[in-house]
Amino acid sequence: MLLLELAVLDAGSLPAAVAVAFTATAAAGAALAVCALIGSRRASAVPRTRVRTAIRDREHRTAFLPQRDPDASGRPRPRAPGRALLTAAA
């Protein structure tokens, strides 16, 4: 409010359009804050068990299948690095 009063009192150096824009922005910000406050009070609390279950279910759905069982038959085992090839040793 203090900034608004200063802007209105010092109208000689501040164009009227800037003062109107400042007032509109302040009003929109106040309305947004009120809406956020009302919305946060109306939101129901979700039980922790539902949150854990949802996270666990999402992990099961998004698992990267080749990494589930690296020792399954047909999967090549990673090898340790060997000696450098002669063409790459230059």
N, C-alpha and C. Protein backbone atom coordinates (compact mmCIF):
# COMPACT_ATOMS: atom_id res chain seq x y z
N MET A 1 0.81 -1.18 0.00
CA MET A 1 0.00 0.00 0.00
C MET A 1 0.86 1.26 0.00
N LEU A 2 1.98 1.20 0.70
CA LEU A 2 2.84 2.37 0.79
C LEU A 2 3.37 2.76 -0.59
N LEU A 3 3.74 1.75 -1.38
CA LEU A 3 4.24 2.03 -2.73
C LEU A 3 3.15 2.66 -3.59
N LEU A 4 1.93 2.18 -3.41
CA LEU A 4 0.82 2.74 -4.19
C LEU A 4 0.59 4.20 -3.82
N GLU A 5 0.64 4.49 -2.51
CA GLU A 5 0.45 5.87 -2.09
C GLU A 5 1.56 6.77 -2.61
N LEU A 6 2.80 6.27 -2.57
CA LEU A 6 3.91 7.05 -3.10
C LEU A 6 3.76 7.27 -4.61
N ALA A 7 3.27 6.25 -5.30
CA ALA A 7 3.09 6.38 -6.75
C ALA A 7 2.00 7.39 -7.07
N VAL A 8 0.94 7.41 -6.27
CA VAL A 8 -0.15 8.35 -6.53
C VAL A 8 0.26 9.77 -6.15
N LEU A 9 0.98 9.94 -5.02
CA LEU A 9 1.39 11.27 -4.58
C LEU A 9 2.43 11.89 -5.51
N ASP A 10 3.29 11.05 -6.05
CA ASP A 10 4.37 11.53 -6.90
C ASP A 10 3.98 11.37 -8.37
N ALA A 11 2.77 11.74 -8.70
CA ALA A 11 2.25 11.55 -10.05
C ALA A 11 2.93 12.45 -11.07
N GLY A 12 3.64 13.49 -10.62
CA GLY A 12 4.30 14.38 -11.56
C GLY A 12 5.41 13.69 -12.32
N SER A 13 6.16 12.82 -11.68
CA SER A 13 7.26 12.14 -12.36
C SER A 13 6.87 10.76 -12.86
N LEU A 14 5.66 10.28 -12.51
CA LEU A 14 5.22 8.95 -12.88
C LEU A 14 4.02 9.06 -13.81
N PRO A 15 4.12 8.57 -15.00
CA PRO A 15 2.97 8.66 -15.92
C PRO A 15 1.75 7.92 -15.37
N ALA A 16 0.60 8.38 -15.74
CA ALA A 16 -0.65 7.79 -15.24
C ALA A 16 -0.80 6.34 -15.68
N ALA A 17 -0.34 6.00 -16.86
CA ALA A 17 -0.47 4.63 -17.35
C ALA A 17 0.34 3.66 -16.50
N VAL A 18 1.51 4.10 -16.05
CA VAL A 18 2.34 3.24 -15.21
C VAL A 18 1.67 3.05 -13.85
N ALA A 19 1.06 4.10 -13.32
CA ALA A 19 0.36 3.99 -12.04
C ALA A 19 -0.82 3.04 -12.14
N VAL A 20 -1.55 3.11 -13.24
CA VAL A 20 -2.69 2.21 -13.45
C VAL A 20 -2.21 0.77 -13.59
N ALA A 21 -1.13 0.57 -14.33
CA ALA A 21 -0.58 -0.78 -14.50
C ALA A 21 -0.10 -1.34 -13.17
N PHE A 22 0.54 -0.51 -12.37
CA PHE A 22 1.02 -0.93 -11.06
C PHE A 22 -0.15 -1.32 -10.16
N THR A 23 -1.21 -0.53 -10.17
CA THR A 23 -2.39 -0.82 -9.36
C THR A 23 -3.07 -2.11 -9.81
N ALA A 24 -3.17 -2.30 -11.11
CA ALA A 24 -3.80 -3.52 -11.63
C ALA A 24 -2.97 -4.75 -11.27
N THR A 25 -1.66 -4.64 -11.35
CA THR A 25 -0.80 -5.76 -10.99
C THR A 25 -0.92 -6.08 -9.51
N ALA A 26 -0.96 -5.05 -8.67
CA ALA A 26 -1.12 -5.27 -7.23
C ALA A 26 -2.46 -5.92 -6.92
N ALA A 27 -3.52 -5.51 -7.60
CA ALA A 27 -4.84 -6.09 -7.37
C ALA A 27 -4.87 -7.55 -7.82
N ALA A 28 -4.26 -7.83 -8.96
CA ALA A 28 -4.23 -9.22 -9.44
C ALA A 28 -3.41 -10.10 -8.50
N GLY A 29 -2.32 -9.59 -7.99
CA GLY A 29 -1.51 -10.35 -7.04
C GLY A 29 -2.26 -10.62 -5.75
N ALA A 30 -3.00 -9.64 -5.27
CA ALA A 30 -3.79 -9.84 -4.06
C ALA A 30 -4.90 -10.87 -4.29
N ALA A 31 -5.55 -10.80 -5.44
CA ALA A 31 -6.60 -11.78 -5.76
C ALA A 31 -6.02 -13.18 -5.87
N LEU A 32 -4.84 -13.31 -6.46
CA LEU A 32 -4.19 -14.62 -6.57
C LEU A 32 -3.84 -15.16 -5.19
N ALA A 33 -3.35 -14.31 -4.31
CA ALA A 33 -3.01 -14.75 -2.96
C ALA A 33 -4.25 -15.22 -2.21
N VAL A 34 -5.37 -14.51 -2.36
CA VAL A 34 -6.61 -14.91 -1.69
C VAL A 34 -7.10 -16.24 -2.25
N CYS A 35 -7.05 -16.42 -3.56
CA CYS A 35 -7.48 -17.68 -4.17
C CYS A 35 -6.60 -18.85 -3.71
N ALA A 36 -5.31 -18.62 -3.61
CA ALA A 36 -4.41 -19.68 -3.15
C ALA A 36 -4.69 -20.04 -1.70
N LEU A 37 -4.98 -19.05 -0.88
CA LEU A 37 -5.30 -19.32 0.52
C LEU A 37 -6.59 -20.11 0.65
N ILE A 38 -7.61 -19.72 -0.10
CA ILE A 38 -8.89 -20.44 -0.05
C ILE A 38 -8.72 -21.86 -0.58
N GLY A 39 -7.98 -22.00 -1.66
CA GLY A 39 -7.77 -23.34 -2.23
C GLY A 39 -7.00 -24.26 -1.31
N SER A 40 -6.02 -23.72 -0.61
CA SER A 40 -5.24 -24.56 0.29
C SER A 40 -6.04 -25.00 1.50
N ARG A 41 -6.99 -24.20 1.92
CA ARG A 41 -7.83 -24.59 3.06
C ARG A 41 -8.87 -25.62 2.66
N ARG A 42 -9.29 -25.61 1.41
CA ARG A 42 -10.31 -26.56 0.97
C ARG A 42 -9.73 -27.91 0.58
N ALA A 43 -8.45 -27.99 0.28
CA ALA A 43 -7.85 -29.24 -0.16
C ALA A 43 -7.84 -30.24 0.99
N SER A 44 -8.30 -31.44 0.72
CA SER A 44 -8.32 -32.46 1.76
C SER A 44 -6.95 -33.11 1.86
N ALA A 45 -6.60 -33.50 3.05
CA ALA A 45 -5.30 -34.13 3.28
C ALA A 45 -5.35 -35.57 2.78
N VAL A 46 -4.31 -35.99 2.08
CA VAL A 46 -4.23 -37.35 1.56
C VAL A 46 -3.48 -38.19 2.59
N PRO A 47 -4.03 -39.34 2.97
CA PRO A 47 -3.33 -40.19 3.94
C PRO A 47 -1.98 -40.65 3.40
N ARG A 48 -1.00 -40.80 4.30
CA ARG A 48 0.34 -41.19 3.89
C ARG A 48 0.36 -42.56 3.23
N THR A 49 -0.52 -43.45 3.65
CA THR A 49 -0.53 -44.79 3.05
C THR A 49 -0.90 -44.73 1.58
N ARG A 50 -1.80 -43.82 1.21
CA ARG A 50 -2.16 -43.70 -0.21
C ARG A 50 -1.01 -43.14 -1.02
N VAL A 51 -0.25 -42.23 -0.43
CA VAL A 51 0.89 -41.66 -1.14
C VAL A 51 1.94 -42.74 -1.36
N ARG A 52 2.23 -43.52 -0.33
CA ARG A 52 3.22 -44.60 -0.48
C ARG A 52 2.78 -45.62 -1.50
N THR A 53 1.50 -45.99 -1.47
CA THR A 53 1.00 -46.97 -2.43
C THR A 53 1.08 -46.43 -3.85
N ALA A 54 0.76 -45.17 -4.03
CA ALA A 54 0.83 -44.58 -5.37
C ALA A 54 2.26 -44.55 -5.88
N ILE A 55 3.22 -44.21 -5.02
CA ILE A 55 4.63 -44.18 -5.43
C ILE A 55 5.10 -45.58 -5.78
N ARG A 56 4.73 -46.57 -4.97
CA ARG A 56 5.15 -47.94 -5.23
C ARG A 56 4.55 -48.45 -6.54
N ASP A 57 3.26 -48.16 -6.77
CA ASP A 57 2.63 -48.60 -8.02
C ASP A 57 3.29 -47.94 -9.23
N ARG A 58 3.64 -46.68 -9.11
CA ARG A 58 4.30 -46.00 -10.23
C ARG A 58 5.67 -46.60 -10.48
N GLU A 59 6.38 -46.97 -9.44
CA GLU A 59 7.69 -47.61 -9.63
C GLU A 59 7.54 -48.94 -10.36
N HIS A 60 6.52 -49.69 -10.03
CA HIS A 60 6.31 -50.98 -10.72
C HIS A 60 5.94 -50.79 -12.18
N ARG A 61 5.17 -49.76 -12.48
CA ARG A 61 4.77 -49.51 -13.87
C ARG A 61 5.92 -48.99 -14.72
N THR A 62 6.84 -48.24 -14.14
CA THR A 62 7.88 -47.60 -14.92
C THR A 62 9.23 -48.31 -14.81
N ALA A 63 9.24 -49.53 -14.32
CA ALA A 63 10.51 -50.24 -14.18
C ALA A 63 11.12 -50.50 -15.56
N PHE A 64 12.42 -50.37 -15.66
CA PHE A 64 13.12 -50.63 -16.91
C PHE A 64 13.36 -52.13 -16.99
N LEU A 65 12.65 -52.80 -17.87
CA LEU A 65 12.60 -54.26 -17.87
C LEU A 65 13.96 -54.95 -18.00
N PRO A 66 14.86 -54.53 -18.89
CA PRO A 66 16.13 -55.25 -18.98
C PRO A 66 16.94 -55.21 -17.69
N GLN A 67 16.69 -54.28 -16.81
CA GLN A 67 17.47 -54.22 -15.58
C GLN A 67 16.81 -54.95 -14.42
N ARG A 68 15.65 -55.52 -14.63
CA ARG A 68 14.99 -56.22 -13.53
C ARG A 68 15.77 -57.47 -13.13
N ASP A 69 16.23 -58.23 -14.09
CA ASP A 69 16.95 -59.46 -13.79
C ASP A 69 18.18 -59.54 -14.68
N PRO A 70 19.30 -58.97 -14.23
CA PRO A 70 20.48 -58.97 -15.09
C PRO A 70 21.10 -60.35 -15.29
N ASP A 71 20.76 -61.33 -14.43
CA ASP A 71 21.32 -62.68 -14.56
C ASP A 71 20.41 -63.62 -15.33
N ALA A 72 19.40 -63.12 -15.98
CA ALA A 72 18.50 -63.98 -16.74
C ALA A 72 19.24 -64.62 -17.90
N SER A 73 18.73 -65.77 -18.34
CA SER A 73 19.40 -66.49 -19.43
C SER A 73 19.33 -65.67 -20.71
N GLY A 74 20.40 -65.68 -21.47
CA GLY A 74 20.46 -64.96 -22.73
C GLY A 74 21.00 -63.55 -22.60
N ARG A 75 21.24 -63.08 -21.41
CA ARG A 75 21.80 -61.75 -21.23
C ARG A 75 23.31 -61.85 -21.10
N PRO A 76 24.04 -61.10 -21.90
CA PRO A 76 25.50 -61.16 -21.81
C PRO A 76 25.99 -60.51 -20.52
N ARG A 77 26.97 -61.10 -19.91
CA ARG A 77 27.55 -60.55 -18.70
C ARG A 77 28.60 -59.51 -19.09
N PRO A 78 28.71 -58.44 -18.35
CA PRO A 78 29.74 -57.45 -18.67
C PRO A 78 31.13 -58.02 -18.44
N ARG A 79 32.05 -57.65 -19.28
CA ARG A 79 33.43 -58.15 -19.18
C ARG A 79 34.32 -57.06 -18.65
N ALA A 80 35.38 -57.49 -17.99
CA ALA A 80 36.38 -56.53 -17.50
C ALA A 80 37.16 -56.01 -18.68
N PRO A 81 37.65 -54.80 -18.62
CA PRO A 81 38.43 -54.27 -19.75
C PRO A 81 39.73 -55.05 -19.91
N GLY A 82 40.06 -55.34 -21.16
CA GLY A 82 41.28 -56.09 -21.45
C GLY A 82 42.40 -55.17 -21.86
N ARG A 83 43.39 -55.75 -22.51
CA ARG A 83 44.52 -54.94 -22.99
C ARG A 83 44.04 -54.04 -24.13
N ALA A 84 44.69 -52.91 -24.25
CA ALA A 84 44.32 -51.97 -25.30
C ALA A 84 44.69 -52.55 -26.68
N LEU A 85 43.85 -52.31 -27.65
CA LEU A 85 44.13 -52.77 -29.00
C LEU A 85 45.29 -51.99 -29.57
N LEU A 86 46.01 -52.59 -30.50
CA LEU A 86 47.16 -51.93 -31.07
C LEU A 86 46.78 -50.69 -31.87
N THR A 87 45.60 -50.72 -32.50
CA THR A 87 45.19 -49.57 -33.29
C THR A 87 44.79 -48.39 -32.39
N ALA A 88 44.37 -48.69 -31.18
CA ALA A 88 43.93 -47.64 -30.29
C ALA A 88 45.04 -47.19 -29.36
N ALA A 89 46.18 -47.82 -29.39
CA ALA A 89 47.26 -47.52 -28.44
C ALA A 89 48.14 -46.37 -28.91
N ALA A 90 47.87 -45.80 -30.05
CA ALA A 90 48.75 -44.74 -30.59
C ALA A 90 48.68 -43.51 -29.83
